[in-house]
PDB file of N, CA and C in Angstrom:
ATOM      1  N   MET A   1     -53.689  -6.591 -10.207  1.00  0.00           N
ATOM      2  CA  MET A   1     -52.730  -6.302  -9.451  1.00  0.00           C
ATOM      3  C   MET A   1     -52.644  -6.547  -7.263  1.00  0.00           C
ATOM      4  N   GLY A   2     -52.072  -7.617  -7.280  1.00  0.00           N
ATOM      5  CA  GLY A   2     -52.381  -7.744  -6.474  1.00  0.00           C
ATOM      6  C   GLY A   2     -51.266  -7.164  -5.559  1.00  0.00           C
ATOM      7  N   LEU A   3     -50.906  -6.919  -3.669  1.00  0.00           N
ATOM      8  CA  LEU A   3     -49.919  -6.771  -3.589  1.00  0.00           C
ATOM      9  C   LEU A   3     -49.222  -6.672  -3.588  1.00  0.00           C
ATOM     10  N   TRP A   4     -48.117  -8.444  -2.965  1.00  0.00           N
ATOM     11  CA  TRP A   4     -47.199  -9.684  -3.926  1.00  0.00           C
ATOM     12  C   TRP A   4     -46.637  -9.115  -4.554  1.00  0.00           C
ATOM     13  N   SER A   5     -47.521  -9.107  -6.020  1.00  0.00           N
ATOM     14  CA  SER A   5     -46.940  -8.814  -7.144  1.00  0.00           C
ATOM     15  C   SER A   5     -46.334  -7.811  -7.208  1.00  0.00           C
ATOM     16  N   PHE A   6     -47.234  -6.762  -6.814  1.00  0.00           N
ATOM     17  CA  PHE A   6     -46.145  -5.177  -6.996  1.00  0.00           C
ATOM     18  C   PHE A   6     -44.964  -4.754  -6.082  1.00  0.00           C
ATOM     19  N   PHE A   7     -45.031  -5.471  -4.954  1.00  0.00           N
ATOM     20  CA  PHE A   7     -43.683  -5.362  -4.653  1.00  0.00           C
ATOM     21  C   PHE A   7     -42.549  -7.039  -5.143  1.00  0.00           C
ATOM     22  N   SER A   8     -42.804  -7.339  -5.664  1.00  0.00           N
ATOM     23  CA  SER A   8     -42.282  -8.605  -5.943  1.00  0.00           C
ATOM     24  C   SER A   8     -41.830  -7.784  -7.531  1.00  0.00           C
ATOM     25  N   ARG A   9     -42.343  -6.842  -8.251  1.00  0.00           N
ATOM     26  CA  ARG A   9     -41.917  -6.205  -9.780  1.00  0.00           C
ATOM     27  C   ARG A   9     -40.490  -4.532  -8.977  1.00  0.00           C
ATOM     28  N   ARG A  10     -41.210  -4.213  -7.969  1.00  0.00           N
ATOM     29  CA  ARG A  10     -40.434  -3.430  -7.049  1.00  0.00           C
ATOM     30  C   ARG A  10     -38.667  -3.665  -7.267  1.00  0.00           C
ATOM     31  N   ALA A  11     -39.266  -5.425  -6.013  1.00  0.00           N
ATOM     32  CA  ALA A  11     -37.982  -5.814  -6.272  1.00  0.00           C
ATOM     33  C   ALA A  11     -36.695  -5.537  -6.844  1.00  0.00           C
ATOM     34  N   ALA A  12     -37.624  -6.596  -8.674  1.00  0.00           N
ATOM     35  CA  ALA A  12     -36.631  -6.379  -8.951  1.00  0.00           C
ATOM     36  C   ALA A  12     -36.399  -5.903  -9.961  1.00  0.00           C
ATOM     37  N   ALA A  13     -37.059  -4.430 -10.477  1.00  0.00           N
ATOM     38  CA  ALA A  13     -36.402  -3.299 -10.942  1.00  0.00           C
ATOM     39  C   ALA A  13     -35.524  -2.617 -10.028  1.00  0.00           C
ATOM     40  N   ALA A  14     -35.028  -2.741  -8.565  1.00  0.00           N
ATOM     41  CA  ALA A  14     -34.502  -2.195  -7.594  1.00  0.00           C
ATOM     42  C   ALA A  14     -33.019  -3.575  -8.564  1.00  0.00           C
ATOM     43  N   ARG A  15     -33.086  -5.043  -8.271  1.00  0.00           N
ATOM     44  CA  ARG A  15     -31.610  -5.875  -8.478  1.00  0.00           C
ATOM     45  C   ARG A  15     -31.448  -5.436  -9.852  1.00  0.00           C
ATOM     46  N   ALA A  16     -32.363  -4.880 -10.734  1.00  0.00           N
ATOM     47  CA  ALA A  16     -31.972  -4.799 -12.112  1.00  0.00           C
ATOM     48  C   ALA A  16     -31.395  -3.288 -12.250  1.00  0.00           C
ATOM     49  N   ALA A  17     -31.859  -2.076 -11.490  1.00  0.00           N
ATOM     50  CA  ALA A  17     -30.610  -1.080 -11.415  1.00  0.00           C
ATOM     51  C   ALA A  17     -29.651  -0.299 -10.173  1.00  0.00           C
ATOM     52  N   ALA A  18     -29.050  -1.982  -9.786  1.00  0.00           N
ATOM     53  CA  ALA A  18     -27.927  -1.610  -8.880  1.00  0.00           C
ATOM     54  C   ALA A  18     -26.693  -1.410  -9.367  1.00  0.00           C
ATOM     55  N   PRO A  19     -26.047  -0.851  -8.701  1.00  0.00           N
ATOM     56  CA  PRO A  19     -24.749  -1.091  -9.447  1.00  0.00           C
ATOM     57  C   PRO A  19     -23.588  -1.722  -8.989  1.00  0.00           C
ATOM     58  N   VAL A  20     -22.754  -2.138  -9.831  1.00  0.00           N
ATOM     59  CA  VAL A  20     -22.373  -3.721 -10.374  1.00  0.00           C
ATOM     60  C   VAL A  20     -21.011  -3.089  -9.347  1.00  0.00           C
ATOM     61  N   ILE A  21     -20.592  -3.576  -8.866  1.00  0.00           N
ATOM     62  CA  ILE A  21     -18.804  -3.023  -8.090  1.00  0.00           C
ATOM     63  C   ILE A  21     -18.111  -3.945  -8.076  1.00  0.00           C
ATOM     64  N   ALA A  22     -16.857  -3.656  -8.790  1.00  0.00           N
ATOM     65  CA  ALA A  22     -15.877  -4.379  -9.090  1.00  0.00           C
ATOM     66  C   ALA A  22     -14.446  -4.314  -8.532  1.00  0.00           C
ATOM     67  N   ALA A  23     -14.310  -5.521  -7.595  1.00  0.00           N
ATOM     68  CA  ALA A  23     -13.538  -5.656  -6.196  1.00  0.00           C
ATOM     69  C   ALA A  23     -12.250  -5.318  -6.957  1.00  0.00           C
ATOM     70  N   ARG A  24     -11.611  -4.831  -6.298  1.00  0.00           N
ATOM     71  CA  ARG A  24      -9.799  -4.052  -7.182  1.00  0.00           C
ATOM     72  C   ARG A  24      -9.547  -5.456  -6.309  1.00  0.00           C
ATOM     73  N   GLU A  25      -7.960  -5.431  -7.659  1.00  0.00           N
ATOM     74  CA  GLU A  25      -7.481  -6.131  -6.555  1.00  0.00           C
ATOM     75  C   GLU A  25      -5.401  -5.628  -6.320  1.00  0.00           C
ATOM     76  N   PRO A  26      -5.390  -6.479  -4.968  1.00  0.00           N
ATOM     77  CA  PRO A  26      -4.001  -6.182  -4.319  1.00  0.00           C
ATOM     78  C   PRO A  26      -2.780  -5.788  -5.904  1.00  0.00           C
ATOM     79  N   GLU A  27      -2.403  -4.930  -5.377  1.00  0.00           N
ATOM     80  CA  GLU A  27      -0.670  -4.234  -6.151  1.00  0.00           C
ATOM     81  C   GLU A  27      -0.104  -5.625  -5.794  1.00  0.00           C
ATOM     82  N   PRO A  28       0.756  -5.579  -7.042  1.00  0.00           N
ATOM     83  CA  PRO A  28       2.347  -6.755  -6.114  1.00  0.00           C
ATOM     84  C   PRO A  28       2.329  -5.956  -5.347  1.00  0.00           C
ATOM     85  N   GLN A  29       3.317  -6.928  -4.140  1.00  0.00           N
ATOM     86  CA  GLN A  29       4.475  -5.720  -3.076  1.00  0.00           C
ATOM     87  C   GLN A  29       5.974  -6.398  -3.549  1.00  0.00           C
ATOM     88  N   GLU A  30       6.848  -5.639  -3.013  1.00  0.00           N
ATOM     89  CA  GLU A  30       8.011  -5.813  -3.378  1.00  0.00           C
ATOM     90  C   GLU A  30       7.957  -5.960  -2.183  1.00  0.00           C
ATOM     91  N   PRO A  31       9.609  -6.734  -1.718  1.00  0.00           N
ATOM     92  CA  PRO A  31       9.490  -7.760  -0.623  1.00  0.00           C
ATOM     93  C   PRO A  31      10.061  -6.323   0.848  1.00  0.00           C
ATOM     94  N   LEU A  32       9.935  -6.221   1.855  1.00  0.00           N
ATOM     95  CA  LEU A  32      11.014  -5.425   2.818  1.00  0.00           C
ATOM     96  C   LEU A  32      12.190  -5.179   2.149  1.00  0.00           C
ATOM     97  N   THR A  33      12.716  -4.950   2.944  1.00  0.00           N
ATOM     98  CA  THR A  33      14.140  -4.482   2.987  1.00  0.00           C
ATOM     99  C   THR A  33      14.262  -4.699   4.076  1.00  0.00           C
ATOM    100  N   ALA A  34      15.463  -4.627   4.987  1.00  0.00           N
ATOM    101  CA  ALA A  34      15.791  -5.341   6.346  1.00  0.00           C
ATOM    102  C   ALA A  34      15.463  -3.787   7.158  1.00  0.00           C
ATOM    103  N   GLU A  35      15.635  -2.603   6.974  1.00  0.00           N
ATOM    104  CA  GLU A  35      15.264  -1.864   7.392  1.00  0.00           C
ATOM    105  C   GLU A  35      14.084  -2.119   7.883  1.00  0.00           C
ATOM    106  N   GLN A  36      13.258  -1.647   6.587  1.00  0.00           N
ATOM    107  CA  GLN A  36      11.450  -1.402   6.469  1.00  0.00           C
ATOM    108  C   GLN A  36      11.135  -2.944   7.599  1.00  0.00           C
ATOM    109  N   LEU A  37      11.615  -4.184   7.394  1.00  0.00           N
ATOM    110  CA  LEU A  37      10.898  -5.240   8.838  1.00  0.00           C
ATOM    111  C   LEU A  37      11.888  -5.035  10.042  1.00  0.00           C
ATOM    112  N   ALA A  38      12.826  -3.875  10.269  1.00  0.00           N
ATOM    113  CA  ALA A  38      12.781  -3.692  11.435  1.00  0.00           C
ATOM    114  C   ALA A  38      12.023  -3.050  12.417  1.00  0.00           C
ATOM    115  N   GLU A  39      11.557  -1.974  11.122  1.00  0.00           N
ATOM    116  CA  GLU A  39      11.065  -0.816  11.993  1.00  0.00           C
ATOM    117  C   GLU A  39       9.648  -2.132  11.731  1.00  0.00           C
ATOM    118  N   LEU A  40       8.934  -2.822  10.869  1.00  0.00           N
ATOM    119  CA  LEU A  40       8.052  -3.142  10.730  1.00  0.00           C
ATOM    120  C   LEU A  40       7.488  -3.825  12.457  1.00  0.00           C
ATOM    121  N   GLN A  41       8.586  -4.301  12.866  1.00  0.00           N
ATOM    122  CA  GLN A  41       8.883  -5.670  13.953  1.00  0.00           C
ATOM    123  C   GLN A  41       8.369  -4.874  15.370  1.00  0.00           C
ATOM    124  N   ASP A  42       9.312  -3.278  15.516  1.00  0.00           N
ATOM    125  CA  ASP A  42       9.221  -2.557  16.027  1.00  0.00           C
ATOM    126  C   ASP A  42       7.801  -2.044  16.579  1.00  0.00           C
ATOM    127  N   ALA A  43       6.840  -1.450  15.345  1.00  0.00           N
ATOM    128  CA  ALA A  43       5.723  -1.404  15.519  1.00  0.00           C
ATOM    129  C   ALA A  43       4.449  -2.533  16.081  1.00  0.00           C
ATOM    130  N   TRP A  44       4.542  -3.605  15.536  1.00  0.00           N
ATOM    131  CA  TRP A  44       4.328  -4.699  16.123  1.00  0.00           C
ATOM    132  C   TRP A  44       4.606  -5.575  17.398  1.00  0.00           C
ATOM    133  N   ALA A  45       5.969  -4.695  18.204  1.00  0.00           N
ATOM    134  CA  ALA A  45       5.925  -5.009  19.926  1.00  0.00           C
ATOM    135  C   ALA A  45       5.843  -3.590  20.525  1.00  0.00           C
ATOM    136  N   GLU A  46       5.070  -2.359  20.110  1.00  0.00           N
ATOM    137  CA  GLU A  46       4.371  -1.373  20.389  1.00  0.00           C
ATOM    138  C   GLU A  46       2.870  -2.342  20.444  1.00  0.00           C
ATOM    139  N   LEU A  47       2.449  -2.435  19.288  1.00  0.00           N
ATOM    140  CA  LEU A  47       1.015  -2.811  19.065  1.00  0.00           C
ATOM    141  C   LEU A  47       0.622  -3.732  20.581  1.00  0.00           C
ATOM    142  N   ALA A  48       1.792  -4.715  20.361  1.00  0.00           N
ATOM    143  CA  ALA A  48       1.706  -6.120  21.742  1.00  0.00           C
ATOM    144  C   ALA A  48       1.342  -5.496  22.783  1.00  0.00           C
ATOM    145  N   GLU A  49       2.912  -4.372  23.201  1.00  0.00           N
ATOM    146  CA  GLU A  49       1.713  -4.134  24.383  1.00  0.00           C
ATOM    147  C   GLU A  49       2.119  -2.554  24.735  1.00  0.00           C
ATOM    148  N   ALA A  50       0.557  -2.787  24.266  1.00  0.00           N
ATOM    149  CA  ALA A  50      -0.286  -1.784  24.244  1.00  0.00           C
ATOM    150  C   ALA A  50      -1.796  -3.115  24.456  1.00  0.00           C
ATOM    151  N   THR A  51      -2.132  -4.357  23.417  1.00  0.00           N
ATOM    152  CA  THR A  51      -2.833  -4.763  24.164  1.00  0.00           C
ATOM    153  C   THR A  51      -3.063  -5.792  25.175  1.00  0.00           C
ATOM    154  N   GLU A  52      -1.757  -6.269  25.407  1.00  0.00           N
ATOM    155  CA  GLU A  52      -1.310  -6.465  26.905  1.00  0.00           C
ATOM    156  C   GLU A  52      -2.037  -5.998  27.631  1.00  0.00           C
ATOM    157  N   SER A  53      -1.360  -4.660  28.157  1.00  0.00           N
ATOM    158  CA  SER A  53      -2.552  -3.494  29.105  1.00  0.00           C
ATOM    159  C   SER A  53      -2.867  -3.006  28.952  1.00  0.00           C
ATOM    160  N   SER A  54      -3.933  -3.261  27.403  1.00  0.00           N
ATOM    161  CA  SER A  54      -5.463  -2.508  27.484  1.00  0.00           C
ATOM    162  C   SER A  54      -7.032  -3.611  27.585  1.00  0.00           C
ATOM    163  N   GLY A  55      -5.949  -4.946  27.312  1.00  0.00           N
ATOM    164  CA  GLY A  55      -6.998  -5.832  27.873  1.00  0.00           C
ATOM    165  C   GLY A  55      -7.699  -7.226  27.189  1.00  0.00           C
ATOM    166  N   ALA A  56      -7.351  -6.741  25.340  1.00  0.00           N
ATOM    167  CA  ALA A  56      -7.762  -6.794  24.979  1.00  0.00           C
ATOM    168  C   ALA A  56      -8.083  -7.974  24.602  1.00  0.00           C
ATOM    169  N   THR A  57      -8.909  -8.525  23.290  1.00  0.00           N
ATOM    170  CA  THR A  57      -8.993 -10.389  22.924  1.00  0.00           C
ATOM    171  C   THR A  57      -8.614 -10.287  21.692  1.00  0.00           C
ATOM    172  N   GLY A  58      -8.882  -9.375  21.150  1.00  0.00           N
ATOM    173  CA  GLY A  58      -9.165  -8.810  19.507  1.00  0.00           C
ATOM    174  C   GLY A  58      -8.915  -8.215  18.909  1.00  0.00           C
ATOM    175  N   LEU A  59      -8.284  -8.031  17.569  1.00  0.00           N
ATOM    176  CA  LEU A  59      -8.282  -6.865  16.845  1.00  0.00           C
ATOM    177  C   LEU A  59      -8.543  -7.215  15.505  1.00  0.00           C
ATOM    178  N   HIS A  60      -9.430  -5.617  14.893  1.00  0.00           N
ATOM    179  CA  HIS A  60     -10.139  -5.816  12.800  1.00  0.00           C
ATOM    180  C   HIS A  60      -9.666  -5.212  12.619  1.00  0.00           C
ATOM    181  N   ALA A  61      -9.037  -4.727  11.327  1.00  0.00           N
ATOM    182  CA  ALA A  61      -8.908  -3.898  11.245  1.00  0.00           C
ATOM    183  C   ALA A  61      -8.617  -4.553   9.429  1.00  0.00           C
ATOM    184  N   CYS A  62      -9.354  -2.771   8.734  1.00  0.00           N
ATOM    185  CA  CYS A  62      -9.013  -3.371   7.294  1.00  0.00           C
ATOM    186  C   CYS A  62      -8.235  -1.569   7.236  1.00  0.00           C
ATOM    187  N   SER A  63      -7.445  -2.295   5.329  1.00  0.00           N
ATOM    188  CA  SER A  63      -6.804  -1.217   4.713  1.00  0.00           C
ATOM    189  C   SER A  63      -7.427  -0.410   3.860  1.00  0.00           C
ATOM    190  N   ARG A  64      -7.175   0.380   2.894  1.00  0.00           N
ATOM    191  CA  ARG A  64      -7.529   1.593   2.303  1.00  0.00           C
ATOM    192  C   ARG A  64      -7.764   1.946   0.792  1.00  0.00           C
ATOM    193  N   ASN A  65      -6.066   1.811   1.627  1.00  0.00           N
ATOM    194  CA  ASN A  65      -4.481   1.445  -0.102  1.00  0.00           C
ATOM    195  C   ASN A  65      -4.755   0.686  -0.279  1.00  0.00           C
ATOM    196  N   GLY A  66      -5.092  -0.503  -0.436  1.00  0.00           N
ATOM    197  CA  GLY A  66      -5.015  -1.491  -1.577  1.00  0.00           C
ATOM    198  C   GLY A  66      -3.734  -2.067  -0.588  1.00  0.00           C
ATOM    199  N   ARG A  67      -3.684  -1.737   0.206  1.00  0.00           N
ATOM    200  CA  ARG A  67      -1.556  -2.732   1.229  1.00  0.00           C
ATOM    201  C   ARG A  67      -2.135  -3.141   2.525  1.00  0.00           C
ATOM    202  N   PRO A  68      -2.075  -4.215   3.197  1.00  0.00           N
ATOM    203  CA  PRO A  68      -2.880  -4.601   4.463  1.00  0.00           C
ATOM    204  C   PRO A  68      -1.590  -4.311   5.893  1.00  0.00           C
ATOM    205  N   TRP A  69      -3.221  -3.939   6.243  1.00  0.00           N
ATOM    206  CA  TRP A  69      -2.868  -3.101   7.905  1.00  0.00           C
ATOM    207  C   TRP A  69      -1.818  -3.693   8.272  1.00  0.00           C
ATOM    208  N   GLN A  70      -1.521  -5.196   8.557  1.00  0.00           N
ATOM    209  CA  GLN A  70      -0.282  -5.943   8.544  1.00  0.00           C
ATOM    210  C   GLN A  70       1.194  -5.654   8.753  1.00  0.00           C
ATOM    211  N   GLU A  71       1.401  -5.234   7.687  1.00  0.00           N
ATOM    212  CA  GLU A  71       2.769  -4.522   7.243  1.00  0.00           C
ATOM    213  C   GLU A  71       3.159  -3.473   6.628  1.00  0.00           C
ATOM    214  N   ASP A  72       2.366  -2.309   7.612  1.00  0.00           N
ATOM    215  CA  ASP A  72       2.845  -0.975   7.763  1.00  0.00           C
ATOM    216  C   ASP A  72       2.824  -0.377   8.729  1.00  0.00           C
ATOM    217  N   PRO A  73       3.870  -0.362   8.909  1.00  0.00           N
ATOM    218  CA  PRO A  73       4.153   0.251  10.456  1.00  0.00           C
ATOM    219  C   PRO A  73       3.703   1.613  10.850  1.00  0.00           C
ATOM    220  N   ALA A  74       3.007   2.332  10.438  1.00  0.00           N
ATOM    221  CA  ALA A  74       2.017   3.634  10.411  1.00  0.00           C
ATOM    222  C   ALA A  74       0.587   3.077  11.211  1.00  0.00           C
ATOM    223  N   ALA A  75       0.216   2.353  10.036  1.00  0.00           N
ATOM    224  CA  ALA A  75      -1.004   1.464  10.451  1.00  0.00           C
ATOM    225  C   ALA A  75      -0.971   1.012  12.208  1.00  0.00           C
ATOM    226  N   VAL A  76      -0.147  -0.374  12.550  1.00  0.00           N
ATOM    227  CA  VAL A  76       0.302  -1.165  13.324  1.00  0.00           C
ATOM    228  C   VAL A  76       0.136  -0.250  15.336  1.00  0.00           C
ATOM    229  N   ARG A  77       0.957   0.879  13.985  1.00  0.00           N
ATOM    230  CA  ARG A  77       1.435   2.277  16.147  1.00  0.00           C
ATOM    231  C   ARG A  77       0.235   2.754  15.847  1.00  0.00           C
ATOM    232  N   GLY A  78      -0.429   3.097  15.111  1.00  0.00           N
ATOM    233  CA  GLY A  78      -1.981   3.635  14.921  1.00  0.00           C
ATOM    234  C   GLY A  78      -2.915   3.017  15.622  1.00  0.00           C
ATOM    235  N   LEU A  79      -3.256   1.923  15.176  1.00  0.00           N
ATOM    236  CA  LEU A  79      -3.457   1.092  16.252  1.00  0.00           C
ATOM    237  C   LEU A  79      -2.932   0.382  17.213  1.00  0.00           C
ATOM    238  N   ALA A  80      -1.712   0.601  18.421  1.00  0.00           N
ATOM    239  CA  ALA A  80      -1.347   0.948  19.331  1.00  0.00           C
ATOM    240  C   ALA A  80      -1.910   2.024  20.369  1.00  0.00           C
ATOM    241  N   ALA A  81      -1.812   2.837  18.793  1.00  0.00           N
ATOM    242  CA  ALA A  81      -2.474   4.339  19.791  1.00  0.00           C
ATOM    243  C   ALA A  81      -3.832   5.011  20.015  1.00  0.00           C
ATOM    244  N   ILE A  82      -4.460   4.178  19.378  1.00  0.00           N
ATOM    245  CA  ILE A  82      -5.929   3.633  19.751  1.00  0.00           C
ATOM    246  C   ILE A  82      -6.222   3.212  21.044  1.00  0.00           C
ATOM    247  N   LEU A  83      -5.516   1.793  21.325  1.00  0.00           N
ATOM    248  CA  LEU A  83      -5.860   1.149  22.361  1.00  0.00           C
ATOM    249  C   LEU A  83      -5.027   1.272  23.883  1.00  0.00           C
ATOM    250  N   ARG A  84      -3.974   2.625  23.778  1.00  0.00           N
ATOM    251  CA  ARG A  84      -3.569   3.217  24.588  1.00  0.00           C
ATOM    252  C   ARG A  84      -4.462   4.171  25.187  1.00  0.00           C
ATOM    253  N   SER A  85      -4.407   4.901  24.207  1.00  0.00           N
ATOM    254  CA  SER A  85      -5.679   6.187  23.921  1.00  0.00           C
ATOM    255  C   SER A  85      -7.051   6.126  24.867  1.00  0.00           C
ATOM    256  N   SER A  86      -8.050   4.649  23.796  1.00  0.00           N
ATOM    257  CA  SER A  86      -9.025   3.746  25.023  1.00  0.00           C
ATOM    258  C   SER A  86      -9.074   3.369  26.725  1.00  0.00           C
ATOM    259  N   THR A  87      -7.372   2.986  26.794  1.00  0.00           N
ATOM    260  CA  THR A  87      -7.101   2.617  28.250  1.00  0.00           C
ATOM    261  C   THR A  87      -6.766   3.714  28.963  1.00  0.00           C
ATOM    262  N   ALA A  88      -6.642   4.835  28.467  1.00  0.00           N
ATOM    263  CA  ALA A  88      -6.062   5.540  29.004  1.00  0.00           C
ATOM    264  C   ALA A  88      -7.486   7.038  29.786  1.00  0.00           C
ATOM    265  N   GLU A  89      -8.524   6.275  28.826  1.00  0.00           N
ATOM    266  CA  GLU A  89     -10.162   6.854  29.144  1.00  0.00           C
ATOM    267  C   GLU A  89     -11.018   6.211  29.940  1.00  0.00           C
ATOM    268  N   ASN A  90     -10.151   5.074  30.199  1.00  0.00           N
ATOM    269  CA  ASN A  90     -11.132   4.047  30.542  1.00  0.00           C
ATOM    270  C   ASN A  90     -10.788   4.043  32.035  1.00  0.00           C
ATOM    271  N   ALA A  91      -9.209   4.605  32.295  1.00  0.00           N
ATOM    272  CA  ALA A  91      -8.629   4.608  34.093  1.00  0.00           C
ATOM    273  C   ALA A  91      -9.482   5.685  34.117  1.00  0.00           C
ATOM    274  N   ASN A  92      -9.455   7.029  33.188  1.00  0.00           N
ATOM    275  CA  ASN A  92      -9.796   7.864  34.672  1.00  0.00           C
ATOM    276  C   ASN A  92     -11.189   8.497  34.399  1.00  0.00           C
ATOM    277  N   GLY A  93     -11.545   7.391  32.989  1.00  0.00           N
ATOM    278  CA  GLY A  93     -13.535   7.988  33.312  1.00  0.00           C
ATOM    279  C   GLY A  93     -14.568   6.889  35.271  1.00  0.00           C
TER     280      GLY A  93
END
């Protein structure tokens, strides 16, 4: 048995033993109420202000609860807080 066939058999066995991970379907979302929409718009305004002052050129985030982060005011405000603290740290450092 050659070295090449040893590694080929081992890779095939590893692929066969790998668990299959099923993607979770997003849950249907109810439309936002006027109050929720206003809160979301305020959060986005905070994020826009924090982004502008930080000089960031892009953001990338993902959600863990099945709801898009773009529709969650707490997540949007959290990103704004991260940008503000990063800007403050860079200014002090």
